[in-house]
Amino acid sequence: MEALDAHTNEVMAGEIPSEMTKQGVLCQDGIKRDFWECRYATVAKFLCNERQLNLHFRVFYREGRYGPVKIWPFTKKKKLTLAQAMKKGIVKTVTT
């Protein structure tokens, strides 16, 4: 996980051991980033408390042991418009 502000970095430092920091990791987009390496359970905990604790972070993953580091696409849910929800059958009728 990459902390995007000082507050989030402090919260992560309290939850993740300091030896789990990775500095200057080259990502697929060519940018070097500093990360907190952690398990999915820790990521899920931060995602659940993101709003309550005012956390700002991004989650990355690596394919295999030496694969490229990429942004994890499942952290943010896309919001649907009413038309999209109706088309997918999530909403059947609209009442006013």
PDB file of N, CA and C in Angstrom:
ATOM      1  N   MET A   1       0.841  -1.168   0.000  1.00  0.00           N
ATOM      2  CA  MET A   1       0.000   0.000   0.000  1.00  0.00           C
ATOM      3  C   MET A   1       0.889   1.234   0.000  1.00  0.00           C
ATOM      4  N   GLU A   2       0.412   2.247  -0.675  1.00  0.00           N
ATOM      5  CA  GLU A   2       1.132   3.514  -0.721  1.00  0.00           C
ATOM      6  C   GLU A   2       0.305   4.564   0.015  1.00  0.00           C
ATOM      7  N   ALA A   3       0.847   5.124   1.075  1.00  0.00           N
ATOM      8  CA  ALA A   3       0.182   6.198   1.807  1.00  0.00           C
ATOM      9  C   ALA A   3       0.291   7.479   0.984  1.00  0.00           C
ATOM     10  N   LEU A   4      -0.829   8.202   0.855  1.00  0.00           N
ATOM     11  CA  LEU A   4      -0.833   9.416   0.051  1.00  0.00           C
ATOM     12  C   LEU A   4      -0.745  10.687   0.882  1.00  0.00           C
ATOM     13  N   ASP A   5      -0.724  10.545   2.221  1.00  0.00           N
ATOM     14  CA  ASP A   5      -0.537  11.713   3.079  1.00  0.00           C
ATOM     15  C   ASP A   5       0.132  11.286   4.387  1.00  0.00           C
ATOM     16  N   ALA A   6       0.555  12.272   5.171  1.00  0.00           N
ATOM     17  CA  ALA A   6       1.294  12.000   6.403  1.00  0.00           C
ATOM     18  C   ALA A   6       0.427  11.282   7.437  1.00  0.00           C
ATOM     19  N   HIS A   7      -0.843  11.668   7.556  1.00  0.00           N
ATOM     20  CA  HIS A   7      -1.737  11.024   8.530  1.00  0.00           C
ATOM     21  C   HIS A   7      -1.872   9.529   8.237  1.00  0.00           C
ATOM     22  N   THR A   8      -2.116   9.192   6.969  1.00  0.00           N
ATOM     23  CA  THR A   8      -2.260   7.783   6.583  1.00  0.00           C
ATOM     24  C   THR A   8      -0.961   7.030   6.847  1.00  0.00           C
ATOM     25  N   ASN A   9       0.156   7.655   6.566  1.00  0.00           N
ATOM     26  CA  ASN A   9       1.456   7.024   6.804  1.00  0.00           C
ATOM     27  C   ASN A   9       1.647   6.705   8.288  1.00  0.00           C
ATOM     28  N   GLU A  10       1.225   7.615   9.164  1.00  0.00           N
ATOM     29  CA  GLU A  10       1.331   7.379  10.608  1.00  0.00           C
ATOM     30  C   GLU A  10       0.447   6.219  11.050  1.00  0.00           C
ATOM     31  N   VAL A  11      -0.779   6.165  10.515  1.00  0.00           N
ATOM     32  CA  VAL A  11      -1.697   5.077  10.864  1.00  0.00           C
ATOM     33  C   VAL A  11      -1.122   3.742  10.400  1.00  0.00           C
ATOM     34  N   MET A  12      -0.588   3.706   9.188  1.00  0.00           N
ATOM     35  CA  MET A  12       0.012   2.474   8.670  1.00  0.00           C
ATOM     36  C   MET A  12       1.230   2.068   9.490  1.00  0.00           C
ATOM     37  N   ALA A  13       2.011   3.044   9.922  1.00  0.00           N
ATOM     38  CA  ALA A  13       3.185   2.748  10.733  1.00  0.00           C
ATOM     39  C   ALA A  13       2.799   2.101  12.060  1.00  0.00           C
ATOM     40  N   GLY A  14       1.623   2.440  12.581  1.00  0.00           N
ATOM     41  CA  GLY A  14       1.150   1.836  13.818  1.00  0.00           C
ATOM     42  C   GLY A  14       0.625   0.423  13.647  1.00  0.00           C
ATOM     43  N   GLU A  15       0.253   0.057  12.426  1.00  0.00           N
ATOM     44  CA  GLU A  15      -0.337  -1.255  12.160  1.00  0.00           C
ATOM     45  C   GLU A  15       0.618  -2.248  11.492  1.00  0.00           C
ATOM     46  N   ILE A  16       1.555  -1.732  10.711  1.00  0.00           N
ATOM     47  CA  ILE A  16       2.443  -2.593   9.923  1.00  0.00           C
ATOM     48  C   ILE A  16       3.872  -2.428  10.440  1.00  0.00           C
ATOM     49  N   PRO A  17       4.590  -3.518  10.696  1.00  0.00           N
ATOM     50  CA  PRO A  17       5.973  -3.411  11.195  1.00  0.00           C
ATOM     51  C   PRO A  17       6.873  -2.624  10.231  1.00  0.00           C
ATOM     52  N   SER A  18       7.797  -1.871  10.791  1.00  0.00           N
ATOM     53  CA  SER A  18       8.667  -1.006   9.979  1.00  0.00           C
ATOM     54  C   SER A  18       9.531  -1.797   8.998  1.00  0.00           C
ATOM     55  N   GLU A  19       9.836  -3.053   9.311  1.00  0.00           N
ATOM     56  CA  GLU A  19      10.646  -3.846   8.375  1.00  0.00           C
ATOM     57  C   GLU A  19       9.872  -4.227   7.113  1.00  0.00           C
ATOM     58  N   MET A  20       8.592  -3.929   7.085  1.00  0.00           N
ATOM     59  CA  MET A  20       7.767  -4.233   5.906  1.00  0.00           C
ATOM     60  C   MET A  20       7.683  -3.050   4.936  1.00  0.00           C
ATOM     61  N   THR A  21       8.510  -2.032   5.131  1.00  0.00           N
ATOM     62  CA  THR A  21       8.536  -0.916   4.191  1.00  0.00           C
ATOM     63  C   THR A  21       9.441  -1.266   3.011  1.00  0.00           C
ATOM     64  N   LYS A  22       9.022  -0.865   1.856  1.00  0.00           N
ATOM     65  CA  LYS A  22       9.809  -1.058   0.630  1.00  0.00           C
ATOM     66  C   LYS A  22       9.952   0.312  -0.014  1.00  0.00           C
ATOM     67  N   GLN A  23      11.184   0.752  -0.210  1.00  0.00           N
ATOM     68  CA  GLN A  23      11.422   2.082  -0.748  1.00  0.00           C
ATOM     69  C   GLN A  23      11.970   2.013  -2.163  1.00  0.00           C
ATOM     70  N   GLY A  24      11.502   2.954  -2.994  1.00  0.00           N
ATOM     71  CA  GLY A  24      11.999   3.069  -4.358  1.00  0.00           C
ATOM     72  C   GLY A  24      11.666   1.890  -5.252  1.00  0.00           C
ATOM     73  N   VAL A  25      10.482   1.322  -5.103  1.00  0.00           N
ATOM     74  CA  VAL A  25      10.070   0.181  -5.930  1.00  0.00           C
ATOM     75  C   VAL A  25       9.598   0.703  -7.286  1.00  0.00           C
ATOM     76  N   LEU A  26      10.175   0.182  -8.352  1.00  0.00           N
ATOM     77  CA  LEU A  26       9.809   0.595  -9.705  1.00  0.00           C
ATOM     78  C   LEU A  26       8.485  -0.045 -10.092  1.00  0.00           C
ATOM     79  N   CYS A  27       7.527   0.781 -10.476  1.00  0.00           N
ATOM     80  CA  CYS A  27       6.193   0.298 -10.850  1.00  0.00           C
ATOM     81  C   CYS A  27       6.072   0.207 -12.370  1.00  0.00           C
ATOM     82  N   GLN A  28       5.005  -0.406 -12.817  1.00  0.00           N
ATOM     83  CA  GLN A  28       4.789  -0.625 -14.241  1.00  0.00           C
ATOM     84  C   GLN A  28       4.731   0.689 -15.024  1.00  0.00           C
ATOM     85  N   ASP A  29       4.264   1.764 -14.383  1.00  0.00           N
ATOM     86  CA  ASP A  29       4.167   3.055 -15.065  1.00  0.00           C
ATOM     87  C   ASP A  29       5.490   3.818 -15.098  1.00  0.00           C
ATOM     88  N   GLY A  30       6.564   3.204 -14.582  1.00  0.00           N
ATOM     89  CA  GLY A  30       7.891   3.811 -14.634  1.00  0.00           C
ATOM     90  C   GLY A  30       8.224   4.713 -13.459  1.00  0.00           C
ATOM     91  N   ILE A  31       7.329   4.817 -12.469  1.00  0.00           N
ATOM     92  CA  ILE A  31       7.545   5.671 -11.306  1.00  0.00           C
ATOM     93  C   ILE A  31       8.002   4.815 -10.128  1.00  0.00           C
ATOM     94  N   LYS A  32       9.014   5.312  -9.390  1.00  0.00           N
ATOM     95  CA  LYS A  32       9.462   4.618  -8.178  1.00  0.00           C
ATOM     96  C   LYS A  32       8.618   5.105  -7.003  1.00  0.00           C
ATOM     97  N   ARG A  33       8.110   4.148  -6.207  1.00  0.00           N
ATOM     98  CA  ARG A  33       7.249   4.481  -5.074  1.00  0.00           C
ATOM     99  C   ARG A  33       7.726   3.785  -3.813  1.00  0.00           C
ATOM    100  N   ASP A  34       7.319   4.348  -2.665  1.00  0.00           N
ATOM    101  CA  ASP A  34       7.575   3.739  -1.363  1.00  0.00           C
ATOM    102  C   ASP A  34       6.295   3.037  -0.919  1.00  0.00           C
ATOM    103  N   PHE A  35       6.425   1.792  -0.453  1.00  0.00           N
ATOM    104  CA  PHE A  35       5.268   0.988  -0.087  1.00  0.00           C
ATOM    105  C   PHE A  35       5.362   0.435   1.318  1.00  0.00           C
ATOM    106  N   TRP A  36       4.187   0.075   1.840  1.00  0.00           N
ATOM    107  CA  TRP A  36       4.065  -0.772   3.016  1.00  0.00           C
ATOM    108  C   TRP A  36       3.627  -2.126   2.488  1.00  0.00           C
ATOM    109  N   GLU A  37       4.425  -3.154   2.690  1.00  0.00           N
ATOM    110  CA  GLU A  37       4.071  -4.496   2.240  1.00  0.00           C
ATOM    111  C   GLU A  37       3.215  -5.153   3.317  1.00  0.00           C
ATOM    112  N   CYS A  38       2.071  -5.707   2.929  1.00  0.00           N
ATOM    113  CA  CYS A  38       1.178  -6.318   3.916  1.00  0.00           C
ATOM    114  C   CYS A  38       0.290  -7.363   3.253  1.00  0.00           C
ATOM    115  N   ARG A  39      -0.417  -8.095   4.081  1.00  0.00           N
ATOM    116  CA  ARG A  39      -1.337  -9.130   3.612  1.00  0.00           C
ATOM    117  C   ARG A  39      -2.689  -8.521   3.270  1.00  0.00           C
ATOM    118  N   TYR A  40      -3.498  -9.328   2.572  1.00  0.00           N
ATOM    119  CA  TYR A  40      -4.821  -8.857   2.167  1.00  0.00           C
ATOM    120  C   TYR A  40      -5.684  -8.485   3.376  1.00  0.00           C
ATOM    121  N   ALA A  41      -5.566  -9.202   4.481  1.00  0.00           N
ATOM    122  CA  ALA A  41      -6.370  -8.908   5.676  1.00  0.00           C
ATOM    123  C   ALA A  41      -6.116  -7.485   6.167  1.00  0.00           C
ATOM    124  N   THR A  42      -4.887  -7.040   6.089  1.00  0.00           N
ATOM    125  CA  THR A  42      -4.547  -5.679   6.500  1.00  0.00           C
ATOM    126  C   THR A  42      -5.130  -4.668   5.521  1.00  0.00           C
ATOM    127  N   VAL A  43      -5.046  -4.965   4.240  1.00  0.00           N
ATOM    128  CA  VAL A  43      -5.627  -4.088   3.223  1.00  0.00           C
ATOM    129  C   VAL A  43      -7.134  -3.968   3.458  1.00  0.00           C
ATOM    130  N   ALA A  44      -7.795  -5.092   3.705  1.00  0.00           N
ATOM    131  CA  ALA A  44      -9.243  -5.091   3.939  1.00  0.00           C
ATOM    132  C   ALA A  44      -9.594  -4.252   5.166  1.00  0.00           C
ATOM    133  N   LYS A  45      -8.783  -4.339   6.201  1.00  0.00           N
ATOM    134  CA  LYS A  45      -9.013  -3.557   7.416  1.00  0.00           C
ATOM    135  C   LYS A  45      -8.930  -2.062   7.118  1.00  0.00           C
ATOM    136  N   PHE A  46      -7.927  -1.661   6.352  1.00  0.00           N
ATOM    137  CA  PHE A  46      -7.791  -0.252   5.991  1.00  0.00           C
ATOM    138  C   PHE A  46      -8.930   0.202   5.080  1.00  0.00           C
ATOM    139  N   LEU A  47      -9.357  -0.651   4.162  1.00  0.00           N
ATOM    140  CA  LEU A  47     -10.464  -0.294   3.282  1.00  0.00           C
ATOM    141  C   LEU A  47     -11.760  -0.097   4.067  1.00  0.00           C
ATOM    142  N   CYS A  48     -11.996  -0.945   5.067  1.00  0.00           N
ATOM    143  CA  CYS A  48     -13.206  -0.829   5.887  1.00  0.00           C
ATOM    144  C   CYS A  48     -13.210   0.451   6.720  1.00  0.00           C
ATOM    145  N   ASN A  49     -12.042   0.890   7.133  1.00  0.00           N
ATOM    146  CA  ASN A  49     -11.941   2.071   8.000  1.00  0.00           C
ATOM    147  C   ASN A  49     -11.488   3.333   7.262  1.00  0.00           C
ATOM    148  N   GLU A  50     -11.476   3.282   5.957  1.00  0.00           N
ATOM    149  CA  GLU A  50     -10.949   4.383   5.158  1.00  0.00           C
ATOM    150  C   GLU A  50     -11.656   5.712   5.446  1.00  0.00           C
ATOM    151  N   ARG A  51     -12.965   5.715   5.447  1.00  0.00           N
ATOM    152  CA  ARG A  51     -13.710   6.956   5.694  1.00  0.00           C
ATOM    153  C   ARG A  51     -13.638   7.383   7.150  1.00  0.00           C
ATOM    154  N   GLN A  52     -13.836   6.446   8.060  1.00  0.00           N
ATOM    155  CA  GLN A  52     -13.837   6.773   9.488  1.00  0.00           C
ATOM    156  C   GLN A  52     -12.531   7.407   9.931  1.00  0.00           C
ATOM    157  N   LEU A  53     -11.422   6.860   9.465  1.00  0.00           N
ATOM    158  CA  LEU A  53     -10.106   7.345   9.887  1.00  0.00           C
ATOM    159  C   LEU A  53      -9.508   8.378   8.945  1.00  0.00           C
ATOM    160  N   ASN A  54     -10.256   8.757   7.900  1.00  0.00           N
ATOM    161  CA  ASN A  54      -9.803   9.738   6.912  1.00  0.00           C
ATOM    162  C   ASN A  54      -8.460   9.328   6.292  1.00  0.00           C
ATOM    163  N   LEU A  55      -8.426   8.095   5.758  1.00  0.00           N
ATOM    164  CA  LEU A  55      -7.203   7.547   5.170  1.00  0.00           C
ATOM    165  C   LEU A  55      -7.190   7.762   3.663  1.00  0.00           C
ATOM    166  N   HIS A  56      -6.017   8.020   3.146  1.00  0.00           N
ATOM    167  CA  HIS A  56      -5.833   8.211   1.705  1.00  0.00           C
ATOM    168  C   HIS A  56      -4.653   7.345   1.265  1.00  0.00           C
ATOM    169  N   PHE A  57      -4.954   6.303   0.491  1.00  0.00           N
ATOM    170  CA  PHE A  57      -3.906   5.379   0.066  1.00  0.00           C
ATOM    171  C   PHE A  57      -4.303   4.687  -1.234  1.00  0.00           C
ATOM    172  N   ARG A  58      -3.316   4.064  -1.848  1.00  0.00           N
ATOM    173  CA  ARG A  58      -3.538   3.232  -3.030  1.00  0.00           C
ATOM    174  C   ARG A  58      -2.947   1.865  -2.758  1.00  0.00           C
ATOM    175  N   VAL A  59      -3.567   0.861  -3.345  1.00  0.00           N
ATOM    176  CA  VAL A  59      -3.110  -0.510  -3.171  1.00  0.00           C
ATOM    177  C   VAL A  59      -2.479  -0.985  -4.480  1.00  0.00           C
ATOM    178  N   PHE A  60      -1.320  -1.598  -4.377  1.00  0.00           N
ATOM    179  CA  PHE A  60      -0.606  -2.147  -5.527  1.00  0.00           C
ATOM    180  C   PHE A  60      -0.380  -3.632  -5.311  1.00  0.00           C
ATOM    181  N   TYR A  61      -0.112  -4.340  -6.380  1.00  0.00           N
ATOM    182  CA  TYR A  61       0.199  -5.766  -6.282  1.00  0.00           C
ATOM    183  C   TYR A  61       1.269  -6.121  -7.293  1.00  0.00           C
ATOM    184  N   ARG A  62       1.884  -7.267  -7.083  1.00  0.00           N
ATOM    185  CA  ARG A  62       2.923  -7.760  -7.988  1.00  0.00           C
ATOM    186  C   ARG A  62       2.527  -9.145  -8.456  1.00  0.00           C
ATOM    187  N   GLU A  63       2.609  -9.378  -9.743  1.00  0.00           N
ATOM    188  CA  GLU A  63       2.333 -10.702 -10.303  1.00  0.00           C
ATOM    189  C   GLU A  63       3.594 -11.539 -10.203  1.00  0.00           C
ATOM    190  N   GLY A  64       3.534 -12.587  -9.417  1.00  0.00           N
ATOM    191  CA  GLY A  64       4.707 -13.441  -9.242  1.00  0.00           C
ATOM    192  C   GLY A  64       5.748 -12.782  -8.362  1.00  0.00           C
ATOM    193  N   ARG A  65       6.887 -13.412  -8.269  1.00  0.00           N
ATOM    194  CA  ARG A  65       7.937 -12.906  -7.382  1.00  0.00           C
ATOM    195  C   ARG A  65       8.656 -11.681  -7.955  1.00  0.00           C
ATOM    196  N   TYR A  66       8.838 -11.651  -9.265  1.00  0.00           N
ATOM    197  CA  TYR A  66       9.592 -10.560  -9.887  1.00  0.00           C
ATOM    198  C   TYR A  66       8.793  -9.802 -10.938  1.00  0.00           C
ATOM    199  N   GLY A  67       7.493  -9.994 -10.959  1.00  0.00           N
ATOM    200  CA  GLY A  67       6.655  -9.337 -11.954  1.00  0.00           C
ATOM    201  C   GLY A  67       6.539  -7.843 -11.709  1.00  0.00           C
ATOM    202  N   PRO A  68       5.925  -7.146 -12.658  1.00  0.00           N
ATOM    203  CA  PRO A  68       5.762  -5.697 -12.505  1.00  0.00           C
ATOM    204  C   PRO A  68       4.775  -5.357 -11.388  1.00  0.00           C
ATOM    205  N   VAL A  69       4.994  -4.224 -10.735  1.00  0.00           N
ATOM    206  CA  VAL A  69       4.096  -3.746  -9.689  1.00  0.00           C
ATOM    207  C   VAL A  69       3.017  -2.902 -10.361  1.00  0.00           C
ATOM    208  N   LYS A  70       1.755  -3.251 -10.090  1.00  0.00           N
ATOM    209  CA  LYS A  70       0.617  -2.583 -10.732  1.00  0.00           C
ATOM    210  C   LYS A  70      -0.382  -2.115  -9.682  1.00  0.00           C
ATOM    211  N   ILE A  71      -1.187  -1.116 -10.060  1.00  0.00           N
ATOM    212  CA  ILE A  71      -2.262  -0.660  -9.190  1.00  0.00           C
ATOM    213  C   ILE A  71      -3.305  -1.767  -9.088  1.00  0.00           C
ATOM    214  N   TRP A  72      -3.828  -1.989  -7.897  1.00  0.00           N
ATOM    215  CA  TRP A  72      -4.836  -3.026  -7.675  1.00  0.00           C
ATOM    216  C   TRP A  72      -6.194  -2.439  -8.040  1.00  0.00           C
ATOM    217  N   PRO A  73      -6.883  -2.982  -9.037  1.00  0.00           N
ATOM    218  CA  PRO A  73      -8.099  -2.338  -9.549  1.00  0.00           C
ATOM    219  C   PRO A  73      -9.350  -2.547  -8.711  1.00  0.00           C
ATOM    220  N   PHE A  74      -9.295  -3.307  -7.622  1.00  0.00           N
ATOM    221  CA  PHE A  74     -10.518  -3.659  -6.903  1.00  0.00           C
ATOM    222  C   PHE A  74     -10.767  -2.844  -5.645  1.00  0.00           C
ATOM    223  N   THR A  75      -9.981  -1.794  -5.379  1.00  0.00           N
ATOM    224  CA  THR A  75     -10.169  -1.056  -4.138  1.00  0.00           C
ATOM    225  C   THR A  75     -11.334  -0.082  -4.196  1.00  0.00           C
ATOM    226  N   LYS A  76     -11.616   0.467  -5.338  1.00  0.00           N
ATOM    227  CA  LYS A  76     -12.695   1.448  -5.457  1.00  0.00           C
ATOM    228  C   LYS A  76     -13.806   0.884  -6.328  1.00  0.00           C
ATOM    229  N   LYS A  77     -15.018   0.942  -5.807  1.00  0.00           N
ATOM    230  CA  LYS A  77     -16.171   0.489  -6.581  1.00  0.00           C
ATOM    231  C   LYS A  77     -16.629   1.628  -7.492  1.00  0.00           C
ATOM    232  N   LYS A  78     -16.971   1.280  -8.713  1.00  0.00           N
ATOM    233  CA  LYS A  78     -17.492   2.279  -9.634  1.00  0.00           C
ATOM    234  C   LYS A  78     -18.954   2.534  -9.308  1.00  0.00           C
ATOM    235  N   LYS A  79     -19.347   3.794  -9.331  1.00  0.00           N
ATOM    236  CA  LYS A  79     -20.734   4.140  -9.091  1.00  0.00           C
ATOM    237  C   LYS A  79     -21.488   4.076 -10.407  1.00  0.00           C
ATOM    238  N   LEU A  80     -22.687   3.549 -10.338  1.00  0.00           N
ATOM    239  CA  LEU A  80     -23.527   3.440 -11.521  1.00  0.00           C
ATOM    240  C   LEU A  80     -24.471   4.625 -11.616  1.00  0.00           C
ATOM    241  N   THR A  81     -24.766   5.023 -12.829  1.00  0.00           N
ATOM    242  CA  THR A  81     -25.820   5.998 -13.027  1.00  0.00           C
ATOM    243  C   THR A  81     -27.146   5.255 -12.952  1.00  0.00           C
ATOM    244  N   LEU A  82     -28.226   5.978 -12.853  1.00  0.00           N
ATOM    245  CA  LEU A  82     -29.540   5.356 -12.796  1.00  0.00           C
ATOM    246  C   LEU A  82     -29.811   4.560 -14.071  1.00  0.00           C
ATOM    247  N   ALA A  83     -29.422   5.111 -15.211  1.00  0.00           N
ATOM    248  CA  ALA A  83     -29.636   4.418 -16.491  1.00  0.00           C
ATOM    249  C   ALA A  83     -28.857   3.104 -16.539  1.00  0.00           C
ATOM    250  N   GLN A  84     -27.612   3.106 -16.045  1.00  0.00           N
ATOM    251  CA  GLN A  84     -26.812   1.879 -16.026  1.00  0.00           C
ATOM    252  C   GLN A  84     -27.418   0.843 -15.090  1.00  0.00           C
ATOM    253  N   ALA A  85     -27.912   1.280 -13.931  1.00  0.00           N
ATOM    254  CA  ALA A  85     -28.523   0.362 -12.972  1.00  0.00           C
ATOM    255  C   ALA A  85     -29.793  -0.258 -13.538  1.00  0.00           C
ATOM    256  N   MET A  86     -30.562   0.528 -14.259  1.00  0.00           N
ATOM    257  CA  MET A  86     -31.791   0.004 -14.869  1.00  0.00           C
ATOM    258  C   MET A  86     -31.439  -0.989 -15.974  1.00  0.00           C
ATOM    259  N   LYS A  87     -30.417  -0.684 -16.775  1.00  0.00           N
ATOM    260  CA  LYS A  87     -30.001  -1.549 -17.860  1.00  0.00           C
ATOM    261  C   LYS A  87     -29.505  -2.897 -17.330  1.00  0.00           C
ATOM    262  N   LYS A  88     -28.807  -2.892 -16.189  1.00  0.00           N
ATOM    263  CA  LYS A  88     -28.291  -4.119 -15.597  1.00  0.00           C
ATOM    264  C   LYS A  88     -29.329  -4.864 -14.775  1.00  0.00           C
ATOM    265  N   GLY A  89     -30.494  -4.262 -14.575  1.00  0.00           N
ATOM    266  CA  GLY A  89     -31.564  -4.908 -13.828  1.00  0.00           C
ATOM    267  C   GLY A  89     -31.456  -4.744 -12.331  1.00  0.00           C
ATOM    268  N   ILE A  90     -30.572  -3.880 -11.870  1.00  0.00           N
ATOM    269  CA  ILE A  90     -30.428  -3.639 -10.433  1.00  0.00           C
ATOM    270  C   ILE A  90     -31.625  -2.836  -9.934  1.00  0.00           C
ATOM    271  N   VAL A  91     -32.061  -1.872 -10.735  1.00  0.00           N
ATOM    272  CA  VAL A  91     -33.239  -1.065 -10.431  1.00  0.00           C
ATOM    273  C   VAL A  91     -34.268  -1.345 -11.510  1.00  0.00           C
ATOM    274  N   LYS A  92     -35.494  -1.613 -11.099  1.00  0.00           N
ATOM    275  CA  LYS A  92     -36.523  -1.958 -12.084  1.00  0.00           C
ATOM    276  C   LYS A  92     -37.434  -0.791 -12.412  1.00  0.00           C
ATOM    277  N   THR A  93     -37.813  -0.020 -11.400  1.00  0.00           N
ATOM    278  CA  THR A  93     -38.669   1.140 -11.653  1.00  0.00           C
ATOM    279  C   THR A  93     -38.174   2.318 -10.829  1.00  0.00           C
ATOM    280  N   VAL A  94     -38.513   3.474 -11.288  1.00  0.00           N
ATOM    281  CA  VAL A  94     -38.128   4.687 -10.593  1.00  0.00           C
ATOM    282  C   VAL A  94     -39.410   5.355 -10.110  1.00  0.00           C
ATOM    283  N   THR A  95     -39.462   5.632  -8.804  1.00  0.00           N
ATOM    284  CA  THR A  95     -40.631   6.330  -8.254  1.00  0.00           C
ATOM    285  C   THR A  95     -40.205   7.721  -7.813  1.00  0.00           C
ATOM    286  N   THR A  96     -41.098   8.656  -7.975  1.00  0.00           N
ATOM    287  CA  THR A  96     -40.778  10.028  -7.565  1.00  0.00           C
ATOM    288  C   THR A  96     -41.707  10.502  -6.499  1.00  0.00           C
TER     289      THR A  96
END
